[in-house]
Amino acid sequence: MVRREPITNLRRSEDFGILQQVVDALFADAEYVRRVDAIVLAESFDLPADLVEIVSLLPPGTYTRQRMCDQLNSAISGHAWGQVYGTVE
């Protein structure tokens, strides 16, 4: 019998912190960004499906960095993925 480890969200993904890179790139030269820009950039970073889902959960609109980070972190926390993928600032 093969012993399997329990599924857990305590181990960091090899993609830990990549969403921070997306946020940094989005706001490198802009004070405001649109949701669609975030989705397109997230897809261009070839994020894992979990993180593309997190970005896709952003409500339509225009965001400041703080507002976008709050929204993303809320979704990350809601899925209990903070330990797995990290949060953004």
N, C-alpha and C. Protein backbone atom coordinates (compact mmCIF):
# COMPACT_ATOMS: atom_id res chain seq x y z
N MET A 1 0.84 -1.17 0.00
CA MET A 1 0.00 0.00 0.00
C MET A 1 0.89 1.24 0.00
N VAL A 2 0.59 2.17 -0.88
CA VAL A 2 1.36 3.40 -0.99
C VAL A 2 0.82 4.40 0.02
N ARG A 3 1.69 4.93 0.81
CA ARG A 3 1.27 5.93 1.80
C ARG A 3 1.32 7.31 1.15
N ARG A 4 0.23 8.02 1.20
CA ARG A 4 0.15 9.36 0.63
C ARG A 4 0.15 10.39 1.74
N GLU A 5 0.82 11.49 1.47
CA GLU A 5 0.81 12.59 2.42
C GLU A 5 -0.53 13.31 2.32
N PRO A 6 -1.00 13.85 3.42
CA PRO A 6 -2.27 14.59 3.36
C PRO A 6 -2.12 15.83 2.50
N ILE A 7 -3.21 16.19 1.84
CA ILE A 7 -3.21 17.42 1.06
C ILE A 7 -3.18 18.58 2.03
N THR A 8 -2.30 19.51 1.78
CA THR A 8 -2.14 20.63 2.70
C THR A 8 -1.83 21.91 1.93
N ASN A 9 -2.13 23.02 2.54
CA ASN A 9 -1.78 24.30 1.92
C ASN A 9 -0.64 24.95 2.68
N LEU A 10 0.13 24.15 3.40
CA LEU A 10 1.24 24.69 4.18
C LEU A 10 2.55 24.70 3.42
N ARG A 11 2.63 23.96 2.33
CA ARG A 11 3.87 23.94 1.55
C ARG A 11 3.84 25.03 0.49
N ARG A 12 4.93 25.74 0.37
CA ARG A 12 5.01 26.79 -0.64
C ARG A 12 5.13 26.20 -2.04
N SER A 13 4.41 26.82 -2.93
CA SER A 13 4.50 26.45 -4.34
C SER A 13 5.81 26.99 -4.91
N GLU A 14 6.28 26.38 -5.96
CA GLU A 14 7.45 26.95 -6.64
C GLU A 14 7.09 28.27 -7.30
N ASP A 15 5.81 28.59 -7.38
CA ASP A 15 5.33 29.86 -7.91
C ASP A 15 5.09 30.89 -6.81
N PHE A 16 5.54 30.61 -5.60
CA PHE A 16 5.36 31.53 -4.48
C PHE A 16 5.97 32.88 -4.84
N GLY A 17 5.20 33.94 -4.70
CA GLY A 17 5.69 35.29 -4.96
C GLY A 17 5.54 35.78 -6.39
N ILE A 18 5.12 34.93 -7.30
CA ILE A 18 5.03 35.37 -8.69
C ILE A 18 3.92 36.39 -8.91
N LEU A 19 2.86 36.31 -8.10
CA LEU A 19 1.80 37.30 -8.24
C LEU A 19 2.30 38.69 -7.85
N GLN A 20 3.25 38.75 -6.93
CA GLN A 20 3.86 40.03 -6.57
C GLN A 20 4.59 40.62 -7.78
N GLN A 21 5.23 39.77 -8.56
CA GLN A 21 5.91 40.24 -9.76
C GLN A 21 4.92 40.81 -10.76
N VAL A 22 3.75 40.20 -10.86
CA VAL A 22 2.71 40.71 -11.76
C VAL A 22 2.26 42.09 -11.30
N VAL A 23 2.00 42.24 -10.00
CA VAL A 23 1.57 43.53 -9.46
C VAL A 23 2.65 44.58 -9.68
N ASP A 24 3.90 44.23 -9.42
CA ASP A 24 5.00 45.18 -9.64
C ASP A 24 5.07 45.62 -11.09
N ALA A 25 4.90 44.68 -12.01
CA ALA A 25 4.94 45.02 -13.44
C ALA A 25 3.75 45.89 -13.84
N LEU A 26 2.58 45.60 -13.29
CA LEU A 26 1.39 46.39 -13.61
C LEU A 26 1.55 47.84 -13.21
N PHE A 27 2.13 48.07 -12.06
CA PHE A 27 2.21 49.42 -11.52
C PHE A 27 3.60 50.05 -11.68
N ALA A 28 4.43 49.49 -12.52
CA ALA A 28 5.78 50.03 -12.74
C ALA A 28 5.73 51.45 -13.26
N ASP A 29 4.80 51.71 -14.18
CA ASP A 29 4.71 53.04 -14.80
C ASP A 29 3.30 53.61 -14.75
N ALA A 30 2.45 53.06 -13.90
CA ALA A 30 1.06 53.51 -13.89
C ALA A 30 0.56 53.68 -12.45
N GLU A 31 -0.29 54.65 -12.28
CA GLU A 31 -0.91 54.87 -10.98
C GLU A 31 -2.23 54.10 -10.89
N TYR A 32 -2.87 53.90 -12.05
CA TYR A 32 -4.14 53.18 -12.14
C TYR A 32 -4.03 52.12 -13.22
N VAL A 33 -4.63 50.97 -12.99
CA VAL A 33 -4.70 49.92 -14.02
C VAL A 33 -6.11 49.35 -14.05
N ARG A 34 -6.47 48.83 -15.20
CA ARG A 34 -7.78 48.22 -15.37
C ARG A 34 -7.70 46.72 -15.10
N ARG A 35 -8.82 46.16 -14.73
CA ARG A 35 -8.89 44.72 -14.46
C ARG A 35 -8.41 43.92 -15.67
N VAL A 36 -8.86 44.31 -16.86
CA VAL A 36 -8.49 43.58 -18.07
C VAL A 36 -6.97 43.58 -18.26
N ASP A 37 -6.30 44.68 -17.91
CA ASP A 37 -4.84 44.73 -18.02
C ASP A 37 -4.20 43.72 -17.07
N ALA A 38 -4.78 43.58 -15.89
CA ALA A 38 -4.26 42.62 -14.91
C ALA A 38 -4.42 41.19 -15.42
N ILE A 39 -5.56 40.90 -16.01
CA ILE A 39 -5.81 39.55 -16.53
C ILE A 39 -4.86 39.23 -17.68
N VAL A 40 -4.70 40.16 -18.62
CA VAL A 40 -3.82 39.93 -19.76
C VAL A 40 -2.38 39.73 -19.30
N LEU A 41 -1.92 40.56 -18.37
CA LEU A 41 -0.55 40.41 -17.89
C LEU A 41 -0.37 39.11 -17.11
N ALA A 42 -1.35 38.75 -16.29
CA ALA A 42 -1.27 37.49 -15.54
C ALA A 42 -1.15 36.30 -16.50
N GLU A 43 -1.91 36.34 -17.57
CA GLU A 43 -1.83 35.26 -18.56
C GLU A 43 -0.49 35.25 -19.27
N SER A 44 0.08 36.42 -19.50
CA SER A 44 1.39 36.47 -20.17
C SER A 44 2.51 35.97 -19.27
N PHE A 45 2.31 36.02 -17.95
CA PHE A 45 3.29 35.50 -16.99
C PHE A 45 3.17 33.98 -16.86
N ASP A 46 2.19 33.39 -17.55
CA ASP A 46 1.97 31.94 -17.50
C ASP A 46 1.80 31.46 -16.06
N LEU A 47 0.91 32.16 -15.34
CA LEU A 47 0.64 31.80 -13.95
C LEU A 47 -0.09 30.46 -13.88
N PRO A 48 0.03 29.78 -12.74
CA PRO A 48 -0.77 28.57 -12.56
C PRO A 48 -2.25 28.92 -12.55
N ALA A 49 -3.07 27.95 -12.86
CA ALA A 49 -4.52 28.18 -12.97
C ALA A 49 -5.11 28.80 -11.70
N ASP A 50 -4.61 28.40 -10.53
CA ASP A 50 -5.12 28.95 -9.27
C ASP A 50 -4.96 30.47 -9.23
N LEU A 51 -3.80 30.96 -9.66
CA LEU A 51 -3.54 32.39 -9.60
C LEU A 51 -4.25 33.15 -10.71
N VAL A 52 -4.42 32.54 -11.87
CA VAL A 52 -5.22 33.17 -12.93
C VAL A 52 -6.65 33.33 -12.42
N GLU A 53 -7.14 32.32 -11.70
CA GLU A 53 -8.49 32.41 -11.12
C GLU A 53 -8.57 33.57 -10.13
N ILE A 54 -7.55 33.74 -9.30
CA ILE A 54 -7.53 34.83 -8.32
C ILE A 54 -7.62 36.18 -9.04
N VAL A 55 -6.82 36.37 -10.08
CA VAL A 55 -6.84 37.63 -10.83
C VAL A 55 -8.18 37.81 -11.53
N SER A 56 -8.75 36.73 -12.03
CA SER A 56 -10.04 36.80 -12.73
C SER A 56 -11.18 37.16 -11.79
N LEU A 57 -10.98 36.97 -10.49
CA LEU A 57 -12.02 37.31 -9.52
C LEU A 57 -12.10 38.81 -9.24
N LEU A 58 -11.14 39.59 -9.75
CA LEU A 58 -11.22 41.04 -9.57
C LEU A 58 -12.49 41.57 -10.22
N PRO A 59 -13.25 42.37 -9.50
CA PRO A 59 -14.42 42.99 -10.13
C PRO A 59 -13.98 43.95 -11.24
N PRO A 60 -14.79 44.12 -12.27
CA PRO A 60 -14.45 45.06 -13.34
C PRO A 60 -14.21 46.46 -12.76
N GLY A 61 -13.28 47.16 -13.35
CA GLY A 61 -13.03 48.52 -12.91
C GLY A 61 -11.57 48.91 -13.03
N THR A 62 -11.28 50.08 -12.50
CA THR A 62 -9.93 50.64 -12.49
C THR A 62 -9.44 50.62 -11.06
N TYR A 63 -8.16 50.29 -10.89
CA TYR A 63 -7.61 50.05 -9.56
C TYR A 63 -6.36 50.87 -9.29
N THR A 64 -6.24 51.34 -8.06
CA THR A 64 -4.95 51.80 -7.55
C THR A 64 -4.23 50.54 -7.08
N ARG A 65 -2.95 50.67 -6.83
CA ARG A 65 -2.18 49.52 -6.36
C ARG A 65 -2.76 48.99 -5.05
N GLN A 66 -3.06 49.88 -4.11
CA GLN A 66 -3.57 49.44 -2.81
C GLN A 66 -4.90 48.70 -2.94
N ARG A 67 -5.79 49.25 -3.74
CA ARG A 67 -7.11 48.62 -3.91
C ARG A 67 -6.97 47.26 -4.57
N MET A 68 -6.11 47.15 -5.59
CA MET A 68 -5.93 45.86 -6.25
C MET A 68 -5.32 44.85 -5.29
N CYS A 69 -4.33 45.27 -4.53
CA CYS A 69 -3.70 44.35 -3.57
C CYS A 69 -4.71 43.88 -2.54
N ASP A 70 -5.55 44.79 -2.06
CA ASP A 70 -6.58 44.41 -1.09
C ASP A 70 -7.52 43.36 -1.68
N GLN A 71 -7.94 43.57 -2.92
CA GLN A 71 -8.84 42.62 -3.58
C GLN A 71 -8.17 41.26 -3.79
N LEU A 72 -6.94 41.29 -4.29
CA LEU A 72 -6.22 40.03 -4.53
C LEU A 72 -5.96 39.28 -3.23
N ASN A 73 -5.52 40.01 -2.21
CA ASN A 73 -5.24 39.37 -0.93
C ASN A 73 -6.50 38.79 -0.29
N SER A 74 -7.61 39.45 -0.48
CA SER A 74 -8.88 38.94 0.03
C SER A 74 -9.22 37.61 -0.63
N ALA A 75 -9.05 37.54 -1.93
CA ALA A 75 -9.33 36.29 -2.65
C ALA A 75 -8.33 35.20 -2.28
N ILE A 76 -7.06 35.57 -2.14
CA ILE A 76 -6.03 34.60 -1.74
C ILE A 76 -6.37 34.04 -0.35
N SER A 77 -6.72 34.91 0.56
CA SER A 77 -7.08 34.47 1.92
C SER A 77 -8.34 33.62 1.91
N GLY A 78 -9.31 34.00 1.11
CA GLY A 78 -10.55 33.25 1.01
C GLY A 78 -10.34 31.82 0.52
N HIS A 79 -9.32 31.63 -0.29
CA HIS A 79 -8.99 30.29 -0.78
C HIS A 79 -7.95 29.59 0.10
N ALA A 80 -7.48 30.29 1.13
CA ALA A 80 -6.44 29.77 2.04
C ALA A 80 -5.15 29.44 1.29
N TRP A 81 -4.78 30.30 0.34
CA TRP A 81 -3.59 30.08 -0.47
C TRP A 81 -2.44 31.02 -0.10
N GLY A 82 -2.57 31.76 0.99
CA GLY A 82 -1.51 32.69 1.38
C GLY A 82 -0.19 31.99 1.62
N GLN A 83 -0.21 30.84 2.28
CA GLN A 83 1.02 30.08 2.55
C GLN A 83 1.57 29.46 1.28
N VAL A 84 0.69 29.16 0.35
CA VAL A 84 1.10 28.46 -0.87
C VAL A 84 1.70 29.43 -1.90
N TYR A 85 1.01 30.56 -2.14
CA TYR A 85 1.43 31.47 -3.19
C TYR A 85 1.91 32.83 -2.69
N GLY A 86 1.65 33.15 -1.45
CA GLY A 86 2.04 34.45 -0.91
C GLY A 86 0.97 35.50 -1.18
N THR A 87 1.12 36.61 -0.51
CA THR A 87 0.20 37.73 -0.72
C THR A 87 0.95 38.83 -1.45
N VAL A 88 0.25 39.91 -1.77
CA VAL A 88 0.86 41.00 -2.53
C VAL A 88 0.76 42.30 -1.77
N GLU A 89 1.66 43.22 -2.09
CA GLU A 89 1.63 44.55 -1.46
C GLU A 89 1.96 45.62 -2.47
